[in-house]
Amino acid sequence: MYVVISYDIPEDKRRTKIHKILKSYGQWMQYSVFECELTETQYAKLRSRLSKLIKPEQDSIRFYFLCRCCQAKVERIGGEALRDDTIFFV
């Protein structure tokens, strides 16, 4: 599944922890936005890890799921090039 994750975490220490976790699952696109290609198991693990760190009364994390059709409609202007995670065996 392809997921766009955005977060709003006011505390620096907690925000840094969230960022590091998300960076291990996907590509950092903007200050508080990641794009991740996840299996259902990876998503469950990620969501669990993030849930343990946040303070729900202060923090916000949003998950936007994009189908394959919608992914093709994402338009980008500028920014970092998308990472190619394709593995080729010779």
Protein backbone atom coordinates (compact mmCIF):
# COMPACT_ATOMS: atom_id res chain seq x y z
CA MET A 1 0.00 0.00 0.00
CA TYR A 2 1.16 3.52 -0.79
CA VAL A 3 0.74 5.92 2.11
CA VAL A 4 1.42 9.63 2.46
CA ILE A 5 2.05 10.44 6.11
CA SER A 6 2.02 13.94 7.55
CA TYR A 7 2.61 14.95 11.12
CA ASP A 8 2.38 17.97 13.38
CA ILE A 9 4.43 17.48 16.54
CA PRO A 10 5.17 20.66 18.55
CA GLU A 11 7.95 19.21 20.75
CA ASP A 12 11.39 18.98 19.08
CA LYS A 13 12.56 15.81 20.83
CA ARG A 14 9.38 13.88 20.02
CA ARG A 15 9.26 15.27 16.46
CA THR A 16 12.85 14.10 15.86
CA LYS A 17 11.97 10.58 17.06
CA ILE A 18 8.92 10.47 14.79
CA HIS A 19 11.01 11.70 11.85
CA LYS A 20 13.67 9.01 12.40
CA ILE A 21 11.07 6.26 12.55
CA LEU A 22 9.33 7.46 9.38
CA LYS A 23 12.65 7.80 7.57
CA SER A 24 13.25 4.09 8.10
CA TYR A 25 9.93 3.29 6.38
CA GLY A 26 9.78 5.73 3.47
CA GLN A 27 11.04 8.81 1.70
CA TRP A 28 11.04 12.22 3.32
CA MET A 29 9.34 14.58 0.86
CA GLN A 30 8.80 17.81 2.78
CA TYR A 31 9.33 19.03 6.35
CA SER A 32 6.60 16.88 7.88
CA VAL A 33 5.56 14.68 4.96
CA PHE A 34 6.70 11.19 4.03
CA GLU A 35 5.72 8.86 1.20
CA CYS A 36 5.89 5.17 2.06
CA GLU A 37 5.32 1.92 0.20
CA LEU A 38 4.27 -0.47 2.97
CA THR A 39 2.94 -3.95 3.44
CA GLU A 40 0.03 -4.35 5.85
CA THR A 41 2.44 -5.76 8.43
CA GLN A 42 4.83 -2.82 8.06
CA TYR A 43 1.94 -0.37 8.36
CA ALA A 44 0.67 -2.06 11.54
CA LYS A 45 4.17 -2.00 13.07
CA LEU A 46 4.73 1.64 12.06
CA ARG A 47 1.36 2.76 13.42
CA SER A 48 2.02 0.94 16.69
CA ARG A 49 5.48 2.52 17.09
CA LEU A 50 4.14 6.01 16.38
CA SER A 51 1.15 5.56 18.69
CA LYS A 52 3.48 4.78 21.59
CA LEU A 53 5.43 8.02 21.07
CA ILE A 54 2.82 10.68 20.51
CA LYS A 55 0.77 12.71 22.95
CA PRO A 56 -2.69 12.61 21.31
CA GLU A 57 -3.82 15.83 22.99
CA GLN A 58 -0.89 17.73 21.40
CA ASP A 59 0.28 15.74 18.38
CA SER A 60 -1.29 14.79 15.08
CA ILE A 61 -0.25 12.15 12.55
CA ARG A 62 -2.32 11.57 9.40
CA PHE A 63 -2.18 8.64 6.99
CA TYR A 64 -3.42 9.14 3.42
CA PHE A 65 -3.75 5.94 1.40
CA LEU A 66 -3.36 6.26 -2.36
CA CYS A 67 -4.44 3.57 -4.79
CA ARG A 68 -2.24 2.80 -7.82
CA CYS A 69 -4.49 4.93 -10.03
CA CYS A 70 -4.20 7.91 -7.68
CA GLN A 71 -0.42 7.52 -7.39
CA ALA A 72 -0.12 8.09 -11.12
CA LYS A 73 -2.00 11.37 -10.69
CA VAL A 74 0.44 12.83 -8.16
CA GLU A 75 2.14 15.80 -9.74
CA ARG A 76 5.45 17.07 -8.41
CA ILE A 77 7.23 20.32 -9.12
CA GLY A 78 10.73 20.60 -7.70
CA GLY A 79 12.01 18.91 -4.59
CA GLU A 80 14.00 15.77 -4.21
CA ALA A 81 13.73 13.13 -6.92
CA LEU A 82 11.83 10.01 -5.95
CA ARG A 83 13.96 7.17 -4.67
CA ASP A 84 13.97 4.11 -6.91
CA ASP A 85 13.57 1.06 -4.67
CA THR A 86 13.41 -1.36 -7.59
CA ILE A 87 15.83 -4.25 -7.20
CA PHE A 88 17.18 -5.92 -10.29
CA PHE A 89 18.90 -9.28 -10.26
CA VAL A 90 21.30 -10.18 -13.03
